Amino acid sequence: MFEDLKKSIDKGLDYAFMNAEKLAQAAKDMAKENKLTKEEAKKLYDHLVAKSDEARKSVEAELQVLVKATMKKMNIPSQEDIKKLEDRIKNLEAGKKAPAKAKTAPVAAKGPKVKAKK
């Protein structure tokens, strides 16, 4: 029983990553084994294609999340980070061309504060 379950899971995974030609052949083989009509075989093929597309998209999405997390752990900047830095550099370079106004901070009085006696 357990071996049959494992085989079914393995076949399902195989079908998920087959190309259209291999899916068509698998549908034909399954239709012959189960004596399906042409209409049922077509429905089976359409079902296999839809499930294959779903599985492929799901795996791609999970891989993207995994890659992003790995890049973050490795401290590798994303394209978005690089774009922000490029924009920031452009803004800084554009600012250098215009005359800079000197900003002076108010100077704080140094020394101990004296409390007034009453």
Protein backbone atom coordinates (compact mmCIF):
# COMPACT_ATOMS: atom_id res chain seq x y z
CA MET A 1 0.00 0.00 0.00
CA PHE A 2 2.76 2.44 1.00
CA GLU A 3 4.76 1.60 -2.13
CA ASP A 4 1.72 2.28 -4.32
CA LEU A 5 1.28 5.65 -2.65
CA LYS A 6 4.95 6.51 -3.23
CA LYS A 7 4.67 5.50 -6.89
CA SER A 8 1.56 7.67 -7.32
CA ILE A 9 3.30 10.66 -5.77
CA ASP A 10 6.38 10.13 -7.94
CA LYS A 11 4.26 9.88 -11.07
CA GLY A 12 2.40 13.03 -10.08
CA LEU A 13 5.66 14.92 -9.71
CA ASP A 14 6.88 13.55 -13.02
CA TYR A 15 3.72 14.76 -14.74
CA ALA A 16 4.07 18.18 -13.15
CA PHE A 17 7.35 18.81 -14.95
CA MET A 18 6.69 17.18 -18.31
CA ASN A 19 6.56 19.16 -21.51
CA ALA A 20 3.40 19.16 -23.64
CA GLU A 21 4.59 16.31 -25.88
CA LYS A 22 5.36 14.01 -22.96
CA LEU A 23 2.07 14.93 -21.27
CA ALA A 24 0.19 14.01 -24.45
CA GLN A 25 1.93 10.63 -24.57
CA ALA A 26 1.25 10.02 -20.87
CA ALA A 27 -2.43 10.86 -21.38
CA LYS A 28 -2.62 8.45 -24.34
CA ASP A 29 -0.97 5.70 -22.29
CA MET A 30 -3.29 6.25 -19.35
CA ALA A 31 -6.31 6.37 -21.66
CA LYS A 32 -5.33 3.01 -23.19
CA GLU A 33 -4.69 1.43 -19.78
CA ASN A 34 -8.04 2.62 -18.44
CA LYS A 35 -9.97 2.20 -21.70
CA LEU A 36 -11.08 5.84 -21.85
CA THR A 37 -13.03 7.37 -24.70
CA LYS A 38 -11.41 10.05 -26.84
CA GLU A 39 -13.40 12.71 -25.00
CA GLU A 40 -12.29 11.38 -21.62
CA ALA A 41 -8.70 11.18 -22.85
CA LYS A 42 -8.89 14.81 -23.99
CA LYS A 43 -10.25 15.85 -20.58
CA LEU A 44 -7.46 13.89 -18.90
CA TYR A 45 -4.84 15.60 -21.09
CA ASP A 46 -6.31 19.05 -20.35
CA HIS A 47 -6.32 18.21 -16.64
CA LEU A 48 -2.68 17.07 -16.76
CA VAL A 49 -1.63 20.24 -18.60
CA ALA A 50 -3.47 22.48 -16.12
CA LYS A 51 -1.99 20.67 -13.10
CA SER A 52 1.47 20.75 -14.67
CA ASP A 53 1.21 24.52 -15.20
CA GLU A 54 -0.01 25.04 -11.62
CA ALA A 55 2.83 22.97 -10.19
CA ARG A 56 5.44 24.72 -12.33
CA LYS A 57 4.19 28.17 -11.30
CA SER A 58 4.09 27.16 -7.66
CA VAL A 59 7.65 25.84 -7.75
CA GLU A 60 8.86 28.98 -9.57
CA ALA A 61 7.24 31.23 -6.95
CA GLU A 62 8.75 29.22 -4.10
CA LEU A 63 12.16 29.32 -5.77
CA GLN A 64 11.96 33.10 -6.15
CA VAL A 65 11.21 33.47 -2.44
CA LEU A 66 14.06 31.10 -1.57
CA VAL A 67 16.54 32.92 -3.83
CA LYS A 68 15.56 36.32 -2.41
CA ALA A 69 15.98 35.04 1.14
CA THR A 70 19.34 33.49 0.28
CA MET A 71 20.55 36.70 -1.37
CA LYS A 72 19.46 38.67 1.68
CA LYS A 73 21.32 36.31 4.02
CA MET A 74 24.41 36.64 1.84
CA ASN A 75 24.01 40.43 1.90
CA ILE A 76 23.79 40.65 -1.91
CA PRO A 77 21.93 43.77 -3.04
CA SER A 78 18.83 43.36 -5.17
CA GLN A 79 18.25 45.17 -8.46
CA GLU A 80 15.91 47.48 -6.58
CA ASP A 81 18.66 48.34 -4.07
CA ILE A 82 21.12 49.04 -6.88
CA LYS A 83 18.58 51.24 -8.69
CA LYS A 84 18.00 53.27 -5.50
CA LEU A 85 21.73 53.78 -5.08
CA GLU A 86 22.13 54.82 -8.72
CA ASP A 87 19.33 57.36 -8.33
CA ARG A 88 20.88 58.65 -5.13
CA ILE A 89 24.27 59.06 -6.83
CA LYS A 90 22.67 60.97 -9.70
CA ASN A 91 20.92 63.28 -7.24
CA LEU A 92 24.15 63.86 -5.32
CA GLU A 93 26.08 64.56 -8.52
CA ALA A 94 23.39 66.96 -9.70
CA GLY A 95 23.57 68.72 -6.32
CA LYS A 96 27.33 69.30 -6.63
CA LYS A 97 26.85 71.32 -9.81
CA ALA A 98 24.69 73.85 -8.02
CA PRO A 99 26.46 76.09 -5.47
CA ALA A 100 26.13 74.64 -2.03
CA LYS A 101 24.86 76.84 0.76
CA ALA A 102 26.78 76.51 3.96
CA LYS A 103 24.59 75.48 6.81
CA THR A 104 25.85 76.35 10.24
CA ALA A 105 24.48 74.82 13.36
CA PRO A 106 23.92 77.05 16.36
CA VAL A 107 26.80 76.90 18.77
CA ALA A 108 25.84 75.72 22.22
CA ALA A 109 27.31 77.50 25.22
CA LYS A 110 30.02 75.49 26.86
CA GLY A 111 30.58 75.15 30.54
CA PRO A 112 28.51 74.15 33.56
CA LYS A 113 24.99 75.41 33.92
CA VAL A 114 24.48 77.63 36.90
CA LYS A 115 21.19 77.57 38.77
CA ALA A 116 19.85 80.85 39.97
CA LYS A 117 19.45 81.18 43.74
CA LYS A 118 16.28 82.56 45.19
